[in-house]
Amino acid sequence: MHSRSYLLLNRELIKLKQEPLWGIEINPLDEASLLDWDVTMLGPVETPWEGGIFKLLIRFSPQFNDKPPEVNFFTIPFHPNVDMLNGRPCIDFLDDVTLWKPDYSMSYVLLTIQNMLASPNTEIAVNTEACNALELTPAMYRQMVYDCVTASKRIAAGLPPHEDDESLETKPAKESIDPRSKSKTKLIHKVSYDDYLSIWNGIATTKISRTAPNPLTKMLQKDPHFKDIHIDSSDRVLRDAKKQLENHHKLIYGLNLVDKDCEIDPKSALFERLKSMQNYNTGDGNLRPVTGDAELLEMLAWTQGMEPEEDVEALMELQNEPSGVPPHSSAITDAG
């Protein structure tokens, strides 16, 4: 035996099927009780809401029709009389039980909600943003309504409400990278606190004495991985260094002295030879200065004014000299 609410709701459904309302489609979610209705409502014609497709959920209490039903927009419109949080329309007889009358049919309730879209009441607004837009900037409100209608159509078609959301969903995923391919990926290498402290001491501090070991050097010798990170000797770096050297010679000399078939750069070899003249080994394992700073600077200034051919001749002379203490310099030895 069916309840009183079921019989009343079944009579309402029969009446709606016999006298259907324009733009309103009803589907009961539970045929056994008929307490939940799924409603599809179209926006009124010749209004800004024309073309909109809105979903509503209507829930009846077992005490129907002594109590009003509970109505919520599932597709919430931007409207002064619709709560943006729960989609509940602001209609007096639905909000106040004392204003509800058992004589109100569901046709009357549905038509009231549909007409509310086209006739907002700003005096009982629950969406203040929509109310302010309607009163202060009507053009912006109409644009918001248009966007809402467009979004409702996309939702009804099973699409995201906005085209931007669709582009994000349909954006092709990045190609998966095989983690076993070392050429395409760089593995993250964990560093312990001790290793971090050693690296920091080697980079950020000075040695306490000339002969004190550098902890960073020990780390690089101990772990090839750190050495590869600290000293980038890849082919690209070597090519860039060689290119930079060629550009330097073109800028200084106006020609390219770096011969691809020659392993010695005359200018670089001459400069390294001059640097080696600054110190020499006294035999006791310690390096002693040979050439003073003023004399070394004078020699460097002398080389800067040479022509490329003179550089090569000076290099040949230096290479022919015997090893040891270079000429024109005085050795400073440590008696102790």
C-alpha atoms as a PDB file:
ATOM      1  CA  MET A   1       0.000   0.000   0.000  1.00  0.00           C
ATOM      2  CA  HIS A   2       1.412   3.394  -1.011  1.00  0.00           C
ATOM      3  CA  SER A   3       1.782   6.346   1.313  1.00  0.00           C
ATOM      4  CA  ARG A   4      -0.161   9.579   1.081  1.00  0.00           C
ATOM      5  CA  SER A   5       2.873  11.480  -0.298  1.00  0.00           C
ATOM      6  CA  TYR A   6       3.348   8.875  -3.034  1.00  0.00           C
ATOM      7  CA  LEU A   7      -0.254   9.181  -4.182  1.00  0.00           C
ATOM      8  CA  LEU A   8      -0.085  12.982  -4.248  1.00  0.00           C
ATOM      9  CA  LEU A   9       3.206  13.031  -6.144  1.00  0.00           C
ATOM     10  CA  ASN A  10       2.002  10.423  -8.604  1.00  0.00           C
ATOM     11  CA  ARG A  11      -1.027  12.570  -9.322  1.00  0.00           C
ATOM     12  CA  GLU A  12       1.283  15.571  -9.931  1.00  0.00           C
ATOM     13  CA  LEU A  13       3.381  13.547 -12.388  1.00  0.00           C
ATOM     14  CA  ILE A  14       0.325  12.374 -14.286  1.00  0.00           C
ATOM     15  CA  LYS A  15      -0.900  15.947 -14.554  1.00  0.00           C
ATOM     16  CA  LEU A  16       2.490  17.152 -15.823  1.00  0.00           C
ATOM     17  CA  LYS A  17       2.525  14.437 -18.473  1.00  0.00           C
ATOM     18  CA  GLN A  18      -0.977  15.290 -19.605  1.00  0.00           C
ATOM     19  CA  GLU A  19      -0.309  19.043 -19.579  1.00  0.00           C
ATOM     20  CA  PRO A  20       3.468  19.377 -20.090  1.00  0.00           C
ATOM     21  CA  LEU A  21       5.164  22.668 -19.324  1.00  0.00           C
ATOM     22  CA  TRP A  22       7.354  24.327 -21.927  1.00  0.00           C
ATOM     23  CA  GLY A  23      11.048  23.867 -21.270  1.00  0.00           C
ATOM     24  CA  ILE A  24      10.578  21.609 -18.233  1.00  0.00           C
ATOM     25  CA  GLU A  25      11.329  17.883 -18.138  1.00  0.00           C
ATOM     26  CA  ILE A  26      10.856  15.730 -15.017  1.00  0.00           C
ATOM     27  CA  ASN A  27      12.329  12.317 -14.190  1.00  0.00           C
ATOM     28  CA  PRO A  28      11.711  10.680 -10.798  1.00  0.00           C
ATOM     29  CA  LEU A  29      14.884   9.212  -9.353  1.00  0.00           C
ATOM     30  CA  ASP A  30      13.112   6.671  -7.155  1.00  0.00           C
ATOM     31  CA  GLU A  31      10.058   5.057  -8.653  1.00  0.00           C
ATOM     32  CA  ALA A  32       9.211   3.409  -5.339  1.00  0.00           C
ATOM     33  CA  SER A  33       8.748   6.595  -3.312  1.00  0.00           C
ATOM     34  CA  LEU A  34       8.787   9.421  -5.913  1.00  0.00           C
ATOM     35  CA  LEU A  35      10.376  11.687  -3.281  1.00  0.00           C
ATOM     36  CA  ASP A  36      13.307  12.798  -5.490  1.00  0.00           C
ATOM     37  CA  TRP A  37      12.860  14.456  -8.865  1.00  0.00           C
ATOM     38  CA  ASP A  38      15.494  15.271 -11.464  1.00  0.00           C
ATOM     39  CA  VAL A  39      14.350  18.355 -13.391  1.00  0.00           C
ATOM     40  CA  THR A  40      15.777  19.877 -16.575  1.00  0.00           C
ATOM     41  CA  MET A  41      14.713  23.482 -17.044  1.00  0.00           C
ATOM     42  CA  LEU A  42      15.304  25.731 -20.074  1.00  0.00           C
ATOM     43  CA  GLY A  43      15.751  29.481 -19.803  1.00  0.00           C
ATOM     44  CA  PRO A  44      12.741  31.607 -20.753  1.00  0.00           C
ATOM     45  CA  VAL A  45      12.628  32.740 -24.368  1.00  0.00           C
ATOM     46  CA  GLU A  46      13.228  36.376 -25.344  1.00  0.00           C
ATOM     47  CA  THR A  47      15.282  36.882 -22.180  1.00  0.00           C
ATOM     48  CA  PRO A  48      19.031  36.844 -21.515  1.00  0.00           C
ATOM     49  CA  TRP A  49      18.547  33.316 -20.154  1.00  0.00           C
ATOM     50  CA  GLU A  50      17.214  31.951 -23.426  1.00  0.00           C
ATOM     51  CA  GLY A  51      19.081  28.815 -24.472  1.00  0.00           C
ATOM     52  CA  GLY A  52      20.237  27.964 -20.943  1.00  0.00           C
ATOM     53  CA  ILE A  53      19.890  24.344 -19.779  1.00  0.00           C
ATOM     54  CA  PHE A  54      19.696  24.052 -15.998  1.00  0.00           C
ATOM     55  CA  LYS A  55      19.520  20.947 -13.856  1.00  0.00           C
ATOM     56  CA  LEU A  56      17.542  20.985 -10.611  1.00  0.00           C
ATOM     57  CA  LEU A  57      17.002  18.499  -7.811  1.00  0.00           C
ATOM     58  CA  ILE A  58      13.645  18.557  -6.018  1.00  0.00           C
ATOM     59  CA  ARG A  59      13.251  16.607  -2.789  1.00  0.00           C
ATOM     60  CA  PHE A  60       9.909  16.022  -1.104  1.00  0.00           C
ATOM     61  CA  SER A  61       9.348  15.118   2.511  1.00  0.00           C
ATOM     62  CA  PRO A  62       7.088  12.223   3.512  1.00  0.00           C
ATOM     63  CA  GLN A  63       4.721  14.946   4.859  1.00  0.00           C
ATOM     64  CA  PHE A  64       4.087  16.355   1.392  1.00  0.00           C
ATOM     65  CA  ASN A  65       1.965  18.368   0.663  1.00  0.00           C
ATOM     66  CA  ASP A  66       1.838  19.810   4.162  1.00  0.00           C
ATOM     67  CA  LYS A  67       5.477  20.970   3.738  1.00  0.00           C
ATOM     68  CA  PRO A  68       7.081  22.602   0.714  1.00  0.00           C
ATOM     69  CA  PRO A  69       9.645  20.684  -1.304  1.00  0.00           C
ATOM     70  CA  GLU A  70      13.354  21.444  -1.149  1.00  0.00           C
ATOM     71  CA  VAL A  71      14.682  22.802  -4.451  1.00  0.00           C
ATOM     72  CA  ASN A  72      18.331  23.187  -5.465  1.00  0.00           C
ATOM     73  CA  PHE A  73      19.902  24.148  -8.757  1.00  0.00           C
ATOM     74  CA  PHE A  74      22.529  21.606  -9.762  1.00  0.00           C
ATOM     75  CA  THR A  75      23.635  23.943 -12.580  1.00  0.00           C
ATOM     76  CA  ILE A  76      23.785  27.117 -10.483  1.00  0.00           C
ATOM     77  CA  PRO A  77      22.995  30.307 -12.446  1.00  0.00           C
ATOM     78  CA  PHE A  78      24.532  33.723 -11.735  1.00  0.00           C
ATOM     79  CA  HIS A  79      21.352  35.252 -10.389  1.00  0.00           C
ATOM     80  CA  PRO A  80      20.493  37.615  -7.499  1.00  0.00           C
ATOM     81  CA  ASN A  81      17.902  35.178  -6.150  1.00  0.00           C
ATOM     82  CA  VAL A  82      19.952  31.978  -6.333  1.00  0.00           C
ATOM     83  CA  ASP A  83      22.460  31.064  -3.642  1.00  0.00           C
ATOM     84  CA  MET A  84      25.846  30.481  -5.268  1.00  0.00           C
ATOM     85  CA  LEU A  85      26.882  27.965  -2.594  1.00  0.00           C
ATOM     86  CA  ASN A  86      23.970  25.535  -2.542  1.00  0.00           C
ATOM     87  CA  GLY A  87      21.933  26.624  -5.595  1.00  0.00           C
ATOM     88  CA  ARG A  88      18.782  27.221  -3.537  1.00  0.00           C
ATOM     89  CA  PRO A  89      16.355  29.698  -5.152  1.00  0.00           C
ATOM     90  CA  CYS A  90      15.012  32.483  -2.979  1.00  0.00           C
ATOM     91  CA  ILE A  91      11.228  32.069  -3.229  1.00  0.00           C
ATOM     92  CA  ASP A  92       9.115  33.042  -0.258  1.00  0.00           C
ATOM     93  CA  PHE A  93       6.750  30.064  -0.081  1.00  0.00           C
ATOM     94  CA  LEU A  94       9.676  27.616  -0.449  1.00  0.00           C
ATOM     95  CA  ASP A  95      11.727  29.296   2.278  1.00  0.00           C
ATOM     96  CA  ASP A  96       8.903  29.930   4.768  1.00  0.00           C
ATOM     97  CA  VAL A  97       6.693  27.008   5.723  1.00  0.00           C
ATOM     98  CA  THR A  98       3.994  29.367   6.932  1.00  0.00           C
ATOM     99  CA  LEU A  99       3.636  30.805   3.431  1.00  0.00           C
ATOM    100  CA  TRP A 100       3.282  27.409   1.813  1.00  0.00           C
ATOM    101  CA  LYS A 101      -0.181  26.280   0.823  1.00  0.00           C
ATOM    102  CA  PRO A 102      -1.147  22.653   0.132  1.00  0.00           C
ATOM    103  CA  ASP A 103      -3.088  23.886  -2.868  1.00  0.00           C
ATOM    104  CA  TYR A 104       0.135  24.847  -4.668  1.00  0.00           C
ATOM    105  CA  SER A 105       0.685  22.420  -7.507  1.00  0.00           C
ATOM    106  CA  MET A 106       4.107  21.413  -8.817  1.00  0.00           C
ATOM    107  CA  SER A 107       3.265  23.101 -12.110  1.00  0.00           C
ATOM    108  CA  TYR A 108       2.900  26.371 -10.215  1.00  0.00           C
ATOM    109  CA  VAL A 109       6.180  25.799  -8.312  1.00  0.00           C
ATOM    110  CA  LEU A 110       8.180  24.993 -11.474  1.00  0.00           C
ATOM    111  CA  LEU A 111       6.775  27.923 -13.455  1.00  0.00           C
ATOM    112  CA  THR A 112       7.570  30.272 -10.559  1.00  0.00           C
ATOM    113  CA  ILE A 113      11.209  29.133 -10.582  1.00  0.00           C
ATOM    114  CA  GLN A 114      11.455  29.473 -14.369  1.00  0.00           C
ATOM    115  CA  ASN A 115       9.952  32.976 -14.343  1.00  0.00           C
ATOM    116  CA  MET A 116      12.264  33.991 -11.493  1.00  0.00           C
ATOM    117  CA  LEU A 117      15.242  33.726 -13.887  1.00  0.00           C
ATOM    118  CA  ALA A 118      13.861  36.455 -16.112  1.00  0.00           C
ATOM    119  CA  SER A 119      12.430  38.575 -13.254  1.00  0.00           C
ATOM    120  CA  PRO A 120      14.993  38.913 -10.450  1.00  0.00           C
ATOM    121  CA  ASN A 121      13.928  40.539  -7.186  1.00  0.00           C
ATOM    122  CA  THR A 122      16.819  42.632  -5.845  1.00  0.00           C
ATOM    123  CA  GLU A 123      15.009  43.322  -2.550  1.00  0.00           C
ATOM    124  CA  ILE A 124      15.478  39.732  -1.372  1.00  0.00           C
ATOM    125  CA  ALA A 125      18.783  39.013  -3.108  1.00  0.00           C
ATOM    126  CA  VAL A 126      20.973  36.212  -1.735  1.00  0.00           C
ATOM    127  CA  ASN A 127      23.748  36.683  -4.302  1.00  0.00           C
ATOM    128  CA  THR A 128      25.035  40.202  -3.593  1.00  0.00           C
ATOM    129  CA  GLU A 129      27.568  40.147  -6.442  1.00  0.00           C
ATOM    130  CA  ALA A 130      24.892  39.423  -9.011  1.00  0.00           C
ATOM    131  CA  CYS A 131      22.611  42.011  -7.433  1.00  0.00           C
ATOM    132  CA  ASN A 132      25.293  44.732  -7.542  1.00  0.00           C
ATOM    133  CA  ALA A 133      26.162  43.846 -11.124  1.00  0.00           C
ATOM    134  CA  LEU A 134      22.508  44.047 -12.150  1.00  0.00           C
ATOM    135  CA  GLU A 135      21.968  47.445 -10.504  1.00  0.00           C
ATOM    136  CA  LEU A 136      25.347  49.126 -11.138  1.00  0.00           C
ATOM    137  CA  THR A 137      26.686  47.525 -14.323  1.00  0.00           C
ATOM    138  CA  PRO A 138      23.840  45.988 -16.332  1.00  0.00           C
ATOM    139  CA  ALA A 139      26.085  45.323 -19.320  1.00  0.00           C
ATOM    140  CA  MET A 140      28.441  43.263 -17.163  1.00  0.00           C
ATOM    141  CA  TYR A 141      25.486  41.381 -15.699  1.00  0.00           C
ATOM    142  CA  ARG A 142      24.210  40.496 -19.166  1.00  0.00           C
ATOM    143  CA  GLN A 143      27.676  39.245 -20.090  1.00  0.00           C
ATOM    144  CA  MET A 144      27.783  37.100 -16.955  1.00  0.00           C
ATOM    145  CA  VAL A 145      24.359  35.686 -17.795  1.00  0.00           C
ATOM    146  CA  TYR A 146      25.533  34.927 -21.334  1.00  0.00           C
ATOM    147  CA  ASP A 147      28.595  33.128 -19.979  1.00  0.00           C
ATOM    148  CA  CYS A 148      26.375  31.194 -17.574  1.00  0.00           C
ATOM    149  CA  VAL A 149      24.044  30.126 -20.396  1.00  0.00           C
ATOM    150  CA  THR A 150      27.012  29.021 -22.513  1.00  0.00           C
ATOM    151  CA  ALA A 151      28.469  27.052 -19.622  1.00  0.00           C
ATOM    152  CA  SER A 152      25.138  25.336 -18.962  1.00  0.00           C
ATOM    153  CA  LYS A 153      24.981  24.169 -22.584  1.00  0.00           C
ATOM    154  CA  ARG A 154      28.478  22.713 -22.381  1.00  0.00           C
ATOM    155  CA  ILE A 155      27.668  20.918 -19.128  1.00  0.00           C
ATOM    156  CA  ALA A 156      24.494  19.479 -20.644  1.00  0.00           C
ATOM    157  CA  ALA A 157      26.612  18.204 -23.572  1.00  0.00           C
ATOM    158  CA  GLY A 158      29.023  16.494 -21.193  1.00  0.00           C
ATOM    159  CA  LEU A 159      31.827  19.037 -21.696  1.00  0.00           C
ATOM    160  CA  PRO A 160      33.709  21.176 -19.174  1.00  0.00           C
ATOM    161  CA  PRO A 161      31.947  24.483 -18.451  1.00  0.00           C
ATOM    162  CA  HIS A 162      34.716  26.526 -20.096  1.00  0.00           C
ATOM    163  CA  GLU A 163      36.833  25.986 -23.197  1.00  0.00           C
ATOM    164  CA  ASP A 164      40.038  26.599 -21.224  1.00  0.00           C
ATOM    165  CA  ASP A 165      39.236  23.630 -19.002  1.00  0.00           C
ATOM    166  CA  GLU A 166      38.676  21.494 -22.077  1.00  0.00           C
ATOM    167  CA  SER A 167      42.036  22.476 -23.562  1.00  0.00           C
ATOM    168  CA  LEU A 168      43.744  21.462 -20.334  1.00  0.00           C
ATOM    169  CA  GLU A 169      42.033  18.082 -20.285  1.00  0.00           C
ATOM    170  CA  THR A 170      42.691  17.349 -23.955  1.00  0.00           C
ATOM    171  CA  LYS A 171      46.291  18.577 -23.842  1.00  0.00           C
ATOM    172  CA  PRO A 172      48.534  15.670 -24.825  1.00  0.00           C
ATOM    173  CA  ALA A 173      50.539  14.271 -21.999  1.00  0.00           C
ATOM    174  CA  LYS A 174      54.277  14.530 -22.085  1.00  0.00           C
ATOM    175  CA  GLU A 175      56.097  11.550 -23.428  1.00  0.00           C
ATOM    176  CA  SER A 176      57.170   9.193 -20.713  1.00  0.00           C
ATOM    177  CA  ILE A 177      60.887   9.057 -20.228  1.00  0.00           C
ATOM    178  CA  ASP A 178      62.541   5.730 -19.677  1.00  0.00           C
ATOM    179  CA  PRO A 179      64.286   6.032 -16.291  1.00  0.00           C
ATOM    180  CA  ARG A 180      66.840   3.488 -17.468  1.00  0.00           C
ATOM    181  CA  SER A 181      68.075   5.853 -20.176  1.00  0.00           C
ATOM    182  CA  LYS A 182      70.889   7.847 -18.613  1.00  0.00           C
ATOM    183  CA  SER A 183      71.290   9.957 -21.723  1.00  0.00           C
ATOM    184  CA  LYS A 184      67.802  11.448 -21.315  1.00  0.00           C
ATOM    185  CA  THR A 185      67.575  11.793 -17.553  1.00  0.00           C
ATOM    186  CA  LYS A 186      69.751  13.019 -14.749  1.00  0.00           C
ATOM    187  CA  LEU A 187      69.362  11.090 -11.551  1.00  0.00           C
ATOM    188  CA  ILE A 188      69.172  13.060  -8.354  1.00  0.00           C
ATOM    189  CA  HIS A 189      72.175  12.253  -6.203  1.00  0.00           C
ATOM    190  CA  LYS A 190      71.670  12.473  -2.455  1.00  0.00           C
ATOM    191  CA  VAL A 191      74.329  14.294  -0.485  1.00  0.00           C
ATOM    192  CA  SER A 192      74.951  13.554   3.164  1.00  0.00           C
ATOM    193  CA  TYR A 193      75.589  16.288   5.659  1.00  0.00           C
ATOM    194  CA  ASP A 194      79.274  15.362   5.982  1.00  0.00           C
ATOM    195  CA  ASP A 195      79.729  15.550   2.208  1.00  0.00           C
ATOM    196  CA  TYR A 196      77.896  18.849   2.086  1.00  0.00           C
ATOM    197  CA  LEU A 197      80.108  20.267   4.867  1.00  0.00           C
ATOM    198  CA  SER A 198      83.261  19.128   3.075  1.00  0.00           C
ATOM    199  CA  ILE A 199      82.162  20.752  -0.177  1.00  0.00           C
ATOM    200  CA  TRP A 200      81.186  23.956   1.608  1.00  0.00           C
ATOM    201  CA  ASN A 201      84.527  24.137   3.441  1.00  0.00           C
ATOM    202  CA  GLY A 202      86.389  23.691   0.162  1.00  0.00           C
ATOM    203  CA  ILE A 203      84.445  26.390  -1.647  1.00  0.00           C
ATOM    204  CA  ALA A 204      83.478  28.994   0.914  1.00  0.00           C
ATOM    205  CA  THR A 205      86.573  29.113   3.175  1.00  0.00           C
ATOM    206  CA  THR A 206      90.298  29.631   2.802  1.00  0.00           C
ATOM    207  CA  LYS A 207      92.976  27.220   3.935  1.00  0.00           C
ATOM    208  CA  ILE A 208      94.546  27.802   7.332  1.00  0.00           C
ATOM    209  CA  SER A 209      97.998  27.309   5.818  1.00  0.00           C
ATOM    210  CA  ARG A 210      99.616  26.863   2.414  1.00  0.00           C
ATOM    211  CA  THR A 211     100.130  23.149   2.951  1.00  0.00           C
ATOM    212  CA  ALA A 212      96.703  22.433   4.483  1.00  0.00           C
ATOM    213  CA  PRO A 213      94.686  19.968   2.366  1.00  0.00           C
ATOM    214  CA  ASN A 214      91.502  21.096   0.696  1.00  0.00           C
ATOM    215  CA  PRO A 215      88.552  18.865   1.729  1.00  0.00           C
ATOM    216  CA  LEU A 216      86.859  19.556  -1.586  1.00  0.00           C
ATOM    217  CA  THR A 217      89.827  18.095  -3.482  1.00  0.00           C
ATOM    218  CA  LYS A 218      89.618  14.946  -1.405  1.00  0.00           C
ATOM    219  CA  MET A 219      85.904  14.686  -2.111  1.00  0.00           C
ATOM    220  CA  LEU A 220      86.439  15.027  -5.848  1.00  0.00           C
ATOM    221  CA  GLN A 221      89.145  12.361  -5.840  1.00  0.00           C
ATOM    222  CA  LYS A 222      87.041  10.058  -3.721  1.00  0.00           C
ATOM    223  CA  ASP A 223      83.758  10.300  -5.604  1.00  0.00           C
ATOM    224  CA  PRO A 224      83.844  10.501  -9.436  1.00  0.00           C
ATOM    225  CA  HIS A 225      80.223  11.627  -9.442  1.00  0.00           C
ATOM    226  CA  PHE A 226      81.059  14.831  -7.563  1.00  0.00           C
ATOM    227  CA  LYS A 227      84.020  15.363  -9.855  1.00  0.00           C
ATOM    228  CA  ASP A 228      81.833  15.174 -12.949  1.00  0.00           C
ATOM    229  CA  ILE A 229      79.451  17.729 -11.419  1.00  0.00           C
ATOM    230  CA  HIS A 230      82.156  20.097 -10.171  1.00  0.00           C
ATOM    231  CA  ILE A 231      84.377  19.896 -13.268  1.00  0.00           C
ATOM    232  CA  ASP A 232      82.302  19.802 -16.413  1.00  0.00           C
ATOM    233  CA  SER A 233      84.574  18.276 -19.043  1.00  0.00           C
ATOM    234  CA  SER A 234      81.897  17.428 -21.553  1.00  0.00           C
ATOM    235  CA  ASP A 235      82.491  17.789 -25.275  1.00  0.00           C
ATOM    236  CA  ARG A 236      80.265  20.818 -25.396  1.00  0.00           C
ATOM    237  CA  VAL A 237      82.321  22.640 -22.774  1.00  0.00           C
ATOM    238  CA  LEU A 238      85.558  21.780 -24.559  1.00  0.00           C
ATOM    239  CA  ARG A 239      84.168  23.009 -27.877  1.00  0.00           C
ATOM    240  CA  ASP A 240      83.009  26.255 -26.279  1.00  0.00           C
ATOM    241  CA  ALA A 241      86.410  26.779 -24.655  1.00  0.00           C
ATOM    242  CA  LYS A 242      88.217  26.246 -27.937  1.00  0.00           C
ATOM    243  CA  LYS A 243      85.837  28.587 -29.733  1.00  0.00           C
ATOM    244  CA  GLN A 244      86.353  31.226 -27.076  1.00  0.00           C
ATOM    245  CA  LEU A 245      90.147  30.877 -27.439  1.00  0.00           C
ATOM    246  CA  GLU A 246      89.899  31.322 -31.204  1.00  0.00           C
ATOM    247  CA  ASN A 247      87.766  34.430 -30.807  1.00  0.00           C
ATOM    248  CA  HIS A 248      90.247  35.801 -28.297  1.00  0.00           C
ATOM    249  CA  HIS A 249      93.157  35.448 -30.718  1.00  0.00           C
ATOM    250  CA  LYS A 250      91.196  37.002 -33.548  1.00  0.00           C
ATOM    251  CA  LEU A 251      90.393  39.968 -31.302  1.00  0.00           C
ATOM    252  CA  ILE A 252      93.976  40.427 -30.003  1.00  0.00           C
ATOM    253  CA  TYR A 253      96.060  39.576 -33.067  1.00  0.00           C
ATOM    254  CA  GLY A 254      93.602  39.994 -35.890  1.00  0.00           C
ATOM    255  CA  LEU A 255      94.252  36.446 -37.102  1.00  0.00           C
ATOM    256  CA  ASN A 256      93.800  32.892 -35.940  1.00  0.00           C
ATOM    257  CA  LEU A 257      96.993  31.419 -34.496  1.00  0.00           C
ATOM    258  CA  VAL A 258      95.260  28.307 -33.192  1.00  0.00           C
ATOM    259  CA  ASP A 259      96.100  25.621 -35.732  1.00  0.00           C
ATOM    260  CA  LYS A 260      93.857  22.587 -35.548  1.00  0.00           C
ATOM    261  CA  ASP A 261      96.858  20.378 -36.323  1.00  0.00           C
ATOM    262  CA  CYS A 262      99.068  22.116 -33.735  1.00  0.00           C
ATOM    263  CA  GLU A 263      98.856  21.076 -30.088  1.00  0.00           C
ATOM    264  CA  ILE A 264     100.746  24.156 -28.756  1.00  0.00           C
ATOM    265  CA  ASP A 265      99.291  27.655 -28.720  1.00  0.00           C
ATOM    266  CA  PRO A 266     102.361  29.984 -28.919  1.00  0.00           C
ATOM    267  CA  LYS A 267     100.840  32.745 -26.835  1.00  0.00           C
ATOM    268  CA  SER A 268      99.494  30.402 -24.159  1.00  0.00           C
ATOM    269  CA  ALA A 269     102.747  28.453 -23.972  1.00  0.00           C
ATOM    270  CA  LEU A 270     104.738  31.682 -23.643  1.00  0.00           C
ATOM    271  CA  PHE A 271     102.479  32.908 -20.859  1.00  0.00           C
ATOM    272  CA  GLU A 272     102.763  29.588 -18.974  1.00  0.00           C
ATOM    273  CA  ARG A 273     106.557  29.786 -19.389  1.00  0.00           C
ATOM    274  CA  LEU A 274     106.586  33.264 -17.850  1.00  0.00           C
ATOM    275  CA  LYS A 275     104.446  32.108 -14.947  1.00  0.00           C
ATOM    276  CA  SER A 276     106.847  29.236 -14.245  1.00  0.00           C
ATOM    277  CA  MET A 277     109.664  31.764 -13.980  1.00  0.00           C
ATOM    278  CA  GLN A 278     108.073  33.339 -10.937  1.00  0.00           C
ATOM    279  CA  ASN A 279     109.030  30.417  -8.663  1.00  0.00           C
ATOM    280  CA  TYR A 280     111.544  27.637  -8.803  1.00  0.00           C
ATOM    281  CA  ASN A 281     112.249  24.594  -6.674  1.00  0.00           C
ATOM    282  CA  THR A 282     115.137  25.078  -4.237  1.00  0.00           C
ATOM    283  CA  GLY A 283     115.525  21.341  -3.705  1.00  0.00           C
ATOM    284  CA  ASP A 284     114.113  21.199  -0.195  1.00  0.00           C
ATOM    285  CA  GLY A 285     110.530  20.700  -1.414  1.00  0.00           C
ATOM    286  CA  ASN A 286     109.527  24.337  -1.032  1.00  0.00           C
ATOM    287  CA  LEU A 287     108.960  26.883  -3.776  1.00  0.00           C
ATOM    288  CA  ARG A 288     110.867  30.151  -3.492  1.00  0.00           C
ATOM    289  CA  PRO A 289     110.113  33.327  -5.452  1.00  0.00           C
ATOM    290  CA  VAL A 290     112.679  34.094  -8.118  1.00  0.00           C
ATOM    291  CA  THR A 291     111.358  37.044 -10.046  1.00  0.00           C
ATOM    292  CA  GLY A 292     109.927  40.038  -8.208  1.00  0.00           C
ATOM    293  CA  ASP A 293     106.486  41.349  -8.960  1.00  0.00           C
ATOM    294  CA  ALA A 294     107.826  44.460 -10.676  1.00  0.00           C
ATOM    295  CA  GLU A 295     110.127  42.446 -12.917  1.00  0.00           C
ATOM    296  CA  LEU A 296     107.366  39.976 -13.795  1.00  0.00           C
ATOM    297  CA  LEU A 297     104.992  42.786 -14.666  1.00  0.00           C
ATOM    298  CA  GLU A 298     107.694  44.356 -16.830  1.00  0.00           C
ATOM    299  CA  MET A 299     108.161  41.074 -18.717  1.00  0.00           C
ATOM    300  CA  LEU A 300     104.409  40.675 -19.226  1.00  0.00           C
ATOM    301  CA  ALA A 301     104.177  44.237 -20.508  1.00  0.00           C
ATOM    302  CA  TRP A 302     107.030  43.460 -22.884  1.00  0.00           C
ATOM    303  CA  THR A 303     105.115  40.512 -24.349  1.00  0.00           C
ATOM    304  CA  GLN A 304     101.924  42.538 -24.793  1.00  0.00           C
ATOM    305  CA  GLY A 305     103.635  44.830 -27.302  1.00  0.00           C
ATOM    306  CA  MET A 306     105.015  41.995 -29.449  1.00  0.00           C
ATOM    307  CA  GLU A 307     103.798  41.102 -32.875  1.00  0.00           C
ATOM    308  CA  PRO A 308     102.649  37.466 -33.356  1.00  0.00           C
ATOM    309  CA  GLU A 309     105.913  36.617 -35.140  1.00  0.00           C
ATOM    310  CA  GLU A 310     107.916  38.053 -32.235  1.00  0.00           C
ATOM    311  CA  ASP A 311     105.871  35.925 -29.809  1.00  0.00           C
ATOM    312  CA  VAL A 312     106.882  32.776 -31.658  1.00  0.00           C
ATOM    313  CA  GLU A 313     110.576  33.800 -31.717  1.00  0.00           C
ATOM    314  CA  ALA A 314     110.542  34.591 -27.998  1.00  0.00           C
ATOM    315  CA  LEU A 315     108.911  31.211 -27.329  1.00  0.00           C
ATOM    316  CA  MET A 316     111.617  29.430 -29.281  1.00  0.00           C
ATOM    317  CA  GLU A 317     114.321  31.258 -27.292  1.00  0.00           C
ATOM    318  CA  LEU A 318     112.679  30.324 -23.987  1.00  0.00           C
ATOM    319  CA  GLN A 319     112.354  26.700 -25.029  1.00  0.00           C
ATOM    320  CA  ASN A 320     116.083  26.571 -25.934  1.00  0.00           C
ATOM    321  CA  GLU A 321     117.156  27.902 -22.535  1.00  0.00           C
ATOM    322  CA  PRO A 322     118.331  25.340 -19.933  1.00  0.00           C
ATOM    323  CA  SER A 323     115.904  24.443 -17.156  1.00  0.00           C
ATOM    324  CA  GLY A 324     116.427  25.859 -13.690  1.00  0.00           C
ATOM    325  CA  VAL A 325     116.707  29.462 -12.651  1.00  0.00           C
ATOM    326  CA  PRO A 326     115.940  31.700 -15.658  1.00  0.00           C
ATOM    327  CA  PRO A 327     118.319  34.509 -16.615  1.00  0.00           C
ATOM    328  CA  HIS A 328     117.921  38.090 -15.448  1.00  0.00           C
ATOM    329  CA  SER A 329     116.605  36.935 -12.062  1.00  0.00           C
ATOM    330  CA  SER A 330     118.063  36.426  -8.659  1.00  0.00           C
ATOM    331  CA  ALA A 331     117.193  33.410  -6.535  1.00  0.00           C
ATOM    332  CA  ILE A 332     116.166  33.953  -2.972  1.00  0.00           C
ATOM    333  CA  THR A 333     117.160  30.938  -0.964  1.00  0.00           C
ATOM    334  CA  ASP A 334     116.221  29.976   2.559  1.00  0.00           C
ATOM    335  CA  ALA A 335     119.293  29.406   4.687  1.00  0.00           C
ATOM    336  CA  GLY A 336     117.313  27.453   7.175  1.00  0.00           C
END
